[in-house]
N, C-alpha and C. Protein backbone atom coordinates (compact mmCIF):
# COMPACT_ATOMS: atom_id res chain seq x y z
N MET A 1 131.43 75.99 91.16
CA MET A 1 132.16 75.69 92.65
C MET A 1 131.63 73.97 92.61
N ARG A 2 132.48 73.12 92.84
CA ARG A 2 133.12 71.71 93.23
C ARG A 2 133.19 71.23 94.21
N ILE A 3 132.58 70.54 95.14
CA ILE A 3 133.56 69.85 96.39
C ILE A 3 133.39 68.45 96.48
N SER A 4 135.09 67.99 97.46
CA SER A 4 135.34 66.34 96.91
C SER A 4 135.23 65.70 98.15
N VAL A 5 135.51 64.46 98.24
CA VAL A 5 136.14 63.98 99.32
C VAL A 5 137.19 63.20 99.31
N ASP A 6 138.45 63.61 100.33
CA ASP A 6 139.37 62.42 100.16
C ASP A 6 138.34 60.77 101.36
N ASN A 7 138.20 59.84 100.71
CA ASN A 7 138.19 58.58 101.35
C ASN A 7 138.87 58.21 101.62
N SER A 8 139.92 58.41 102.25
CA SER A 8 140.99 57.85 102.68
C SER A 8 141.62 58.57 103.84
N VAL A 9 140.86 59.60 103.71
CA VAL A 9 140.63 61.01 104.84
C VAL A 9 140.18 60.59 106.03
N CYS A 10 138.84 60.69 105.25
CA CYS A 10 137.37 60.62 105.66
C CYS A 10 136.99 59.95 106.85
N GLU A 11 136.08 60.03 108.57
CA GLU A 11 136.56 58.79 109.72
C GLU A 11 135.23 59.06 110.35
N ALA A 12 133.99 59.75 109.64
CA ALA A 12 132.57 59.23 109.45
C ALA A 12 132.24 60.15 110.58
N HIS A 13 133.07 61.70 110.72
CA HIS A 13 132.79 62.39 111.76
C HIS A 13 131.63 63.18 111.57
N SER A 14 131.16 63.12 110.05
CA SER A 14 129.66 63.64 110.10
C SER A 14 128.75 64.92 110.52
N GLN A 15 130.25 65.64 110.93
CA GLN A 15 129.80 67.41 110.81
C GLN A 15 129.56 67.81 109.77
N CYS A 16 130.31 67.25 108.42
CA CYS A 16 129.51 68.30 106.92
C CYS A 16 128.49 67.92 107.13
N TYR A 17 127.79 66.95 107.28
CA TYR A 17 126.47 66.79 107.06
C TYR A 17 125.73 67.32 107.93
N VAL A 18 125.58 67.66 109.12
CA VAL A 18 125.19 68.62 110.42
C VAL A 18 125.20 69.56 109.30
N VAL A 19 125.92 70.10 108.58
CA VAL A 19 125.17 70.87 108.01
C VAL A 19 124.46 70.91 106.56
N ASP A 20 124.42 70.45 106.38
CA ASP A 20 123.83 70.01 105.13
C ASP A 20 123.78 69.47 104.57
N PRO A 21 122.11 67.77 104.80
CA PRO A 21 122.56 66.71 104.40
C PRO A 21 122.03 66.79 103.32
N ASP A 22 121.19 67.41 102.51
CA ASP A 22 121.42 66.68 101.22
C ASP A 22 122.81 67.50 100.53
N LEU A 23 124.02 68.42 100.94
CA LEU A 23 125.09 68.82 99.76
C LEU A 23 125.49 67.95 100.69
N PHE A 24 125.84 67.39 101.61
CA PHE A 24 126.62 66.09 101.58
C PHE A 24 126.13 65.05 102.26
N PRO A 25 125.92 64.01 101.77
CA PRO A 25 124.78 62.53 102.45
C PRO A 25 125.85 62.31 102.61
N LEU A 26 125.83 60.66 103.34
CA LEU A 26 126.30 59.93 103.52
C LEU A 26 126.31 58.40 103.70
N ASP A 27 127.01 57.63 102.97
CA ASP A 27 126.90 55.99 102.48
C ASP A 27 126.72 56.09 103.63
N ASP A 28 126.33 54.75 104.01
CA ASP A 28 125.26 53.56 104.96
C ASP A 28 126.40 53.12 106.30
N ASP A 29 127.48 53.02 105.92
CA ASP A 29 128.08 53.60 106.98
C ASP A 29 128.43 54.67 107.69
N GLY A 30 128.05 55.69 107.79
CA GLY A 30 128.33 56.96 108.45
C GLY A 30 129.45 57.59 107.49
N TYR A 31 130.32 57.62 106.94
CA TYR A 31 131.14 58.21 106.42
C TYR A 31 130.51 58.97 104.47
N SER A 32 131.60 59.63 104.37
CA SER A 32 131.42 60.74 102.97
C SER A 32 130.42 60.41 102.07
N ALA A 33 129.76 59.92 101.11
CA ALA A 33 128.78 59.94 99.82
C ALA A 33 129.58 61.31 98.72
N VAL A 34 130.02 62.26 99.13
CA VAL A 34 130.27 63.53 98.76
C VAL A 34 131.18 63.16 96.90
N GLY A 35 131.87 61.93 97.79
CA GLY A 35 132.72 61.31 95.72
C GLY A 35 133.86 62.01 95.50
N THR A 36 134.04 62.42 94.03
CA THR A 36 134.43 63.49 93.84
C THR A 36 134.72 64.95 92.68
N ASN A 37 134.42 65.58 92.45
CA ASN A 37 134.09 66.92 91.38
C ASN A 37 132.36 67.28 92.13
N ARG A 38 132.09 67.00 93.07
CA ARG A 38 129.98 67.07 92.88
C ARG A 38 129.76 68.37 92.95
N PRO A 39 129.68 68.62 91.82
CA PRO A 39 128.53 70.32 91.72
C PRO A 39 128.08 71.09 92.68
N VAL A 40 127.40 71.94 94.04
CA VAL A 40 127.59 73.24 93.44
C VAL A 40 126.13 73.47 93.82
N PRO A 41 125.19 73.41 94.14
CA PRO A 41 124.10 73.71 93.36
C PRO A 41 123.86 75.53 93.22
N PRO A 42 124.05 76.41 92.81
CA PRO A 42 123.54 77.82 92.80
C PRO A 42 122.79 77.79 94.49
N GLY A 43 123.61 78.91 94.53
CA GLY A 43 122.89 79.86 95.89
C GLY A 43 123.61 78.83 97.65
N GLU A 44 124.07 77.44 96.97
CA GLU A 44 124.87 76.76 98.26
C GLU A 44 126.21 77.35 98.49
N GLU A 45 126.83 78.37 97.59
CA GLU A 45 128.07 78.05 98.26
C GLU A 45 128.43 78.27 99.67
N GLU A 46 128.13 79.24 100.25
CA GLU A 46 128.23 79.46 101.62
C GLU A 46 127.72 77.89 102.05
N GLN A 47 127.08 77.21 102.35
CA GLN A 47 127.00 76.04 102.94
C GLN A 47 127.30 75.56 102.61
N ALA A 48 127.90 75.12 101.36
CA ALA A 48 129.80 74.74 100.71
C ALA A 48 130.38 74.94 102.09
N ARG A 49 130.78 76.15 101.83
CA ARG A 49 132.18 76.38 102.38
C ARG A 49 131.78 75.78 104.01
N LEU A 50 130.94 75.87 104.76
CA LEU A 50 130.29 75.50 105.90
C LEU A 50 130.64 73.90 106.42
N GLY A 51 130.04 73.46 105.58
CA GLY A 51 130.40 72.19 105.52
C GLY A 51 132.18 71.38 105.32
N VAL A 52 132.34 72.33 104.62
CA VAL A 52 134.31 71.77 104.36
C VAL A 52 134.70 72.59 105.25
N ALA A 53 134.68 73.27 105.64
CA ALA A 53 135.26 73.75 107.80
C ALA A 53 134.95 73.16 108.14
N ALA A 54 133.55 72.57 108.36
CA ALA A 54 133.28 72.04 109.54
C ALA A 54 133.98 70.34 109.79
N CYS A 55 134.43 70.12 108.96
CA CYS A 55 134.91 68.87 108.36
C CYS A 55 136.63 68.40 110.09
N PRO A 56 136.18 68.18 110.64
CA PRO A 56 137.78 67.60 111.48
C PRO A 56 138.47 67.29 111.08
N VAL A 57 139.30 66.74 110.34
CA VAL A 57 139.94 66.31 109.11
C VAL A 57 140.37 66.21 107.91
N ALA A 58 139.42 67.21 107.96
CA ALA A 58 140.26 68.15 106.10
C ALA A 58 140.12 67.04 105.12
N ALA A 59 139.43 66.10 105.13
CA ALA A 59 138.62 65.52 104.38
C ALA A 59 138.12 66.04 103.29
N LEU A 60 137.38 66.88 102.97
CA LEU A 60 136.58 67.45 101.96
C LEU A 60 137.34 68.83 101.23
N ARG A 61 137.04 68.96 99.41
CA ARG A 61 137.98 70.17 99.56
C ARG A 61 136.86 70.19 98.43
N LEU A 62 137.01 72.00 98.09
CA LEU A 62 135.76 72.86 97.07
C LEU A 62 136.76 73.21 96.90
N ASP A 63 136.69 73.67 95.44
CA ASP A 63 137.11 74.00 94.33
C ASP A 63 136.14 75.04 94.15
N GLU A 64 136.80 76.35 93.73
CA GLU A 64 136.03 78.11 94.03
C GLU A 64 135.86 78.14 92.85
N GLU A 65 137.26 77.86 91.44
CA GLU A 65 136.77 77.52 90.64
C GLU A 65 135.79 76.80 89.51
N ALA A 66 135.47 75.84 90.21
CA ALA A 66 135.33 74.88 89.27
C ALA A 66 133.80 75.26 88.49
C-alpha cells in the first residue's frame, strides 16, 4: 500500500496530520510532505485510510495494490 499527495490540490488543512503525524508529515508551511508513492508501513493501513479520508479537498490518494 502506498499514499501520494497532489500538492496542487493540498490546501494545508492538516487533517491527515491530525490522524497520524508520522504517516502524514507536513512541510514548514503546513502543506503535506507525503510526496508520491510513499510506502505505508505494515500495520498502518487503517491509519492511512483514515488520513486519506480526512482530507477535505481529496488531495491524498491511496494505492491499495502497491
